[in-house]
Amino acid sequence: MTVIGYARVSTDGQTLDAQQTALRSAGVSRIFAEKESGAKTARAALAKAVAALEPGDTLVVMKLDRLARSTRDLLNTLAAIGERGAGFKSLGDPWADTTTPHGKLMITVLGGLAEFERHLILSRTSEGRARAKANGVKFGRRPKLTKHQIREIHVRVETGETCRSIAKSYNVSHMTISRL
């Protein structure tokens, strides 16, 4: 059972020293550190830290905001940690500790709230889309060709003109003409 640490700062002006010292004091044997924005979900050192986890290991961070910027990102990262059979602990946020029953409960509640919020967003989006359709809003990409152009193309195809030559004259792909 290894305790692995992850430290992150956002800018070059900040240092990792305080986080690394706190992680070592907490018994971390190996630290993955990087200077990267938390807005990026794909962070190399975090990916390496999660990949290094084995069943029974624990990933430790100084504070939750070092691990994730949003609830969704946090839950995705915690899911990846859990899939490896490892636990998670935040030194600055004692409630965020999946190695204890209380911590697991808090993360589960947090996950439930995030899922509920996601369903609300989907519901509002769906209602808005239905309202827009009822008001005559057309969704999707605009057609490349007008109805008049499509009629002209049909005539040209019937006279034996090739799809490629027709496509060039309308500045579309020959497959667009073939589909018509």
Protein backbone atom coordinates (compact mmCIF):
# COMPACT_ATOMS: atom_id res chain seq x y z
CA MET A 1 0.00 0.00 0.00
CA THR A 2 1.76 3.05 -1.35
CA VAL A 3 0.85 6.67 -0.68
CA ILE A 4 1.33 8.72 -3.85
CA GLY A 5 1.12 12.50 -3.93
CA TYR A 6 0.05 14.95 -6.61
CA ALA A 7 1.03 18.62 -6.51
CA ARG A 8 0.11 21.31 -9.02
CA VAL A 9 0.53 25.04 -9.44
CA SER A 10 -0.97 27.10 -12.24
CA THR A 11 1.72 29.59 -13.16
CA ASP A 12 5.47 29.78 -13.38
CA GLY A 13 5.50 32.41 -10.59
CA GLN A 14 4.21 29.87 -8.07
CA THR A 15 6.29 27.12 -6.49
CA LEU A 16 5.50 23.54 -5.60
CA ASP A 17 7.64 23.60 -2.44
CA ALA A 18 4.86 24.09 0.14
CA GLN A 19 2.68 21.37 -1.37
CA GLN A 20 5.57 18.92 -1.66
CA THR A 21 6.64 19.57 1.96
CA ALA A 22 3.08 19.00 3.23
CA LEU A 23 2.74 15.83 1.16
CA ARG A 24 6.05 14.43 2.46
CA SER A 25 4.96 15.24 6.04
CA ALA A 26 1.77 13.23 5.39
CA GLY A 27 3.85 10.15 4.54
CA VAL A 28 3.80 10.37 0.75
CA SER A 29 6.53 8.23 -0.77
CA ARG A 30 6.33 9.43 -4.38
CA ILE A 31 5.17 12.83 -5.67
CA PHE A 32 4.00 13.70 -9.16
CA ALA A 33 4.19 17.47 -9.68
CA GLU A 34 3.48 19.88 -12.51
CA LYS A 35 3.00 23.51 -13.41
CA GLU A 36 -0.23 23.37 -15.40
CA SER A 37 -3.57 25.14 -15.41
CA GLY A 38 -6.34 23.41 -13.51
CA ALA A 39 -8.69 24.28 -16.37
CA LYS A 40 -6.97 21.58 -18.44
CA THR A 41 -8.48 18.19 -17.73
CA ALA A 42 -5.64 16.37 -19.49
CA ARG A 43 -2.62 16.92 -17.23
CA ALA A 44 0.39 14.67 -17.78
CA ALA A 45 1.61 14.36 -14.18
CA LEU A 46 -1.92 13.62 -12.90
CA ALA A 47 -2.35 10.93 -15.54
CA LYS A 48 0.99 9.39 -14.50
CA ALA A 49 0.01 9.54 -10.82
CA VAL A 50 -3.30 7.77 -11.47
CA ALA A 51 -1.57 5.21 -13.72
CA ALA A 52 0.95 4.48 -10.93
CA LEU A 53 -1.83 3.58 -8.48
CA GLU A 54 -2.33 -0.05 -7.58
CA PRO A 55 -5.12 -1.63 -5.52
CA GLY A 56 -4.88 -0.44 -1.93
CA ASP A 57 -2.78 2.65 -2.75
CA THR A 58 -3.87 6.18 -1.88
CA LEU A 59 -3.52 9.37 -3.93
CA VAL A 60 -3.03 12.42 -1.69
CA VAL A 61 -3.31 16.10 -2.61
CA MET A 62 -2.83 19.24 -0.55
CA LYS A 63 -6.29 20.63 -1.43
CA LEU A 64 -9.10 19.57 -3.77
CA ASP A 65 -8.56 22.55 -6.06
CA ARG A 66 -5.12 21.13 -6.90
CA LEU A 67 -6.82 18.03 -8.31
CA ALA A 68 -9.84 19.45 -10.15
CA ARG A 69 -11.44 22.74 -11.14
CA SER A 70 -15.05 21.53 -11.44
CA THR A 71 -17.29 18.99 -9.74
CA ARG A 72 -17.53 16.97 -12.95
CA ASP A 73 -13.74 16.90 -13.35
CA LEU A 74 -13.34 15.91 -9.69
CA LEU A 75 -15.83 13.07 -9.97
CA ASN A 76 -14.25 11.80 -13.19
CA THR A 77 -10.81 11.81 -11.57
CA LEU A 78 -12.11 10.09 -8.43
CA ALA A 79 -13.80 7.47 -10.62
CA ALA A 80 -10.49 6.80 -12.39
CA ILE A 81 -8.77 6.43 -9.01
CA GLY A 82 -11.53 4.11 -7.77
CA GLU A 83 -11.31 1.97 -10.93
CA ARG A 84 -7.67 1.29 -10.05
CA GLY A 85 -8.78 0.05 -6.62
CA ALA A 86 -7.12 2.99 -4.90
CA GLY A 87 -8.30 5.59 -2.42
CA PHE A 88 -8.08 9.37 -2.36
CA LYS A 89 -7.33 11.85 0.39
CA SER A 90 -7.15 15.65 0.51
CA LEU A 91 -5.06 17.05 3.37
CA GLY A 92 -6.82 20.42 3.36
CA ASP A 93 -10.34 18.97 3.00
CA PRO A 94 -10.69 16.19 5.60
CA TRP A 95 -14.18 15.26 4.37
CA ALA A 96 -12.70 14.29 0.97
CA ASP A 97 -11.17 10.98 2.01
CA THR A 98 -12.40 7.87 0.21
CA THR A 99 -10.38 5.68 2.57
CA THR A 100 -13.00 6.26 5.32
CA PRO A 101 -16.73 5.47 5.36
CA HIS A 102 -17.56 9.14 6.06
CA GLY A 103 -15.44 10.32 3.15
CA LYS A 104 -17.03 7.77 0.80
CA LEU A 105 -20.46 9.02 1.89
CA MET A 106 -19.53 12.65 1.19
CA ILE A 107 -18.16 11.81 -2.26
CA THR A 108 -21.28 9.75 -3.02
CA VAL A 109 -23.54 12.66 -1.99
CA LEU A 110 -21.43 15.04 -4.07
CA GLY A 111 -21.70 12.67 -7.03
CA GLY A 112 -25.47 12.41 -6.58
CA LEU A 113 -25.81 16.19 -6.55
CA ALA A 114 -23.69 16.51 -9.69
CA GLU A 115 -25.78 13.87 -11.46
CA PHE A 116 -29.01 15.63 -10.39
CA GLU A 117 -27.63 18.94 -11.68
CA ARG A 118 -26.75 17.27 -15.00
CA HIS A 119 -30.32 15.95 -15.36
CA LEU A 120 -31.71 19.42 -14.67
CA ILE A 121 -29.46 20.91 -17.34
CA LEU A 122 -30.51 18.24 -19.87
CA SER A 123 -34.18 18.83 -19.06
CA ARG A 124 -33.89 22.61 -19.48
CA THR A 125 -31.94 22.18 -22.72
CA SER A 126 -34.55 19.79 -24.09
CA GLU A 127 -37.39 22.17 -23.19
CA GLY A 128 -35.56 25.08 -24.81
CA ARG A 129 -34.97 23.07 -27.98
CA ALA A 130 -38.67 22.11 -28.15
CA ARG A 131 -39.70 25.76 -27.69
CA ALA A 132 -37.31 26.86 -30.43
CA LYS A 133 -38.64 24.22 -32.85
CA ALA A 134 -42.20 25.31 -32.08
CA ASN A 135 -41.16 28.87 -32.97
CA GLY A 136 -39.81 27.69 -36.35
CA VAL A 137 -36.10 27.59 -35.58
CA LYS A 138 -34.26 25.15 -37.85
CA PHE A 139 -31.47 23.12 -36.27
CA GLY A 140 -28.39 21.72 -37.91
CA ARG A 141 -26.17 22.81 -40.69
CA ARG A 142 -27.53 24.94 -43.49
CA PRO A 143 -27.83 23.10 -46.80
CA LYS A 144 -25.03 23.82 -49.26
CA LEU A 145 -27.43 23.84 -52.18
CA THR A 146 -30.74 25.60 -52.69
CA LYS A 147 -33.84 23.82 -53.99
CA HIS A 148 -33.35 25.53 -57.34
CA GLN A 149 -29.75 24.29 -57.57
CA ILE A 150 -30.85 20.75 -56.69
CA ARG A 151 -33.38 20.81 -59.56
CA GLU A 152 -30.65 22.04 -61.94
CA ILE A 153 -28.34 19.25 -60.78
CA HIS A 154 -30.98 16.60 -61.46
CA VAL A 155 -31.38 17.91 -65.01
CA ARG A 156 -27.61 17.95 -65.56
CA VAL A 157 -27.23 14.38 -64.24
CA GLU A 158 -30.05 13.19 -66.55
CA THR A 159 -28.25 14.72 -69.54
CA GLY A 160 -25.21 12.60 -68.71
CA GLU A 161 -22.88 15.12 -67.08
CA THR A 162 -20.47 13.60 -64.52
CA CYS A 163 -20.89 14.15 -60.80
CA ARG A 164 -17.36 15.55 -60.53
CA SER A 165 -17.90 18.26 -63.15
CA ILE A 166 -21.24 19.25 -61.62
CA ALA A 167 -19.66 19.31 -58.13
CA LYS A 168 -16.91 21.66 -59.31
CA SER A 169 -19.43 24.14 -60.71
CA TYR A 170 -21.28 24.29 -57.36
CA ASN A 171 -18.13 24.11 -55.22
CA VAL A 172 -19.25 20.96 -53.40
CA SER A 173 -17.94 17.42 -53.12
CA HIS A 174 -18.83 14.88 -55.80
CA MET A 175 -20.37 12.80 -53.00
CA THR A 176 -22.84 15.61 -52.31
CA ILE A 177 -23.97 15.34 -55.92
CA SER A 178 -24.06 11.51 -55.77
CA ARG A 179 -26.31 11.60 -52.70
CA LEU A 180 -28.82 13.79 -54.55
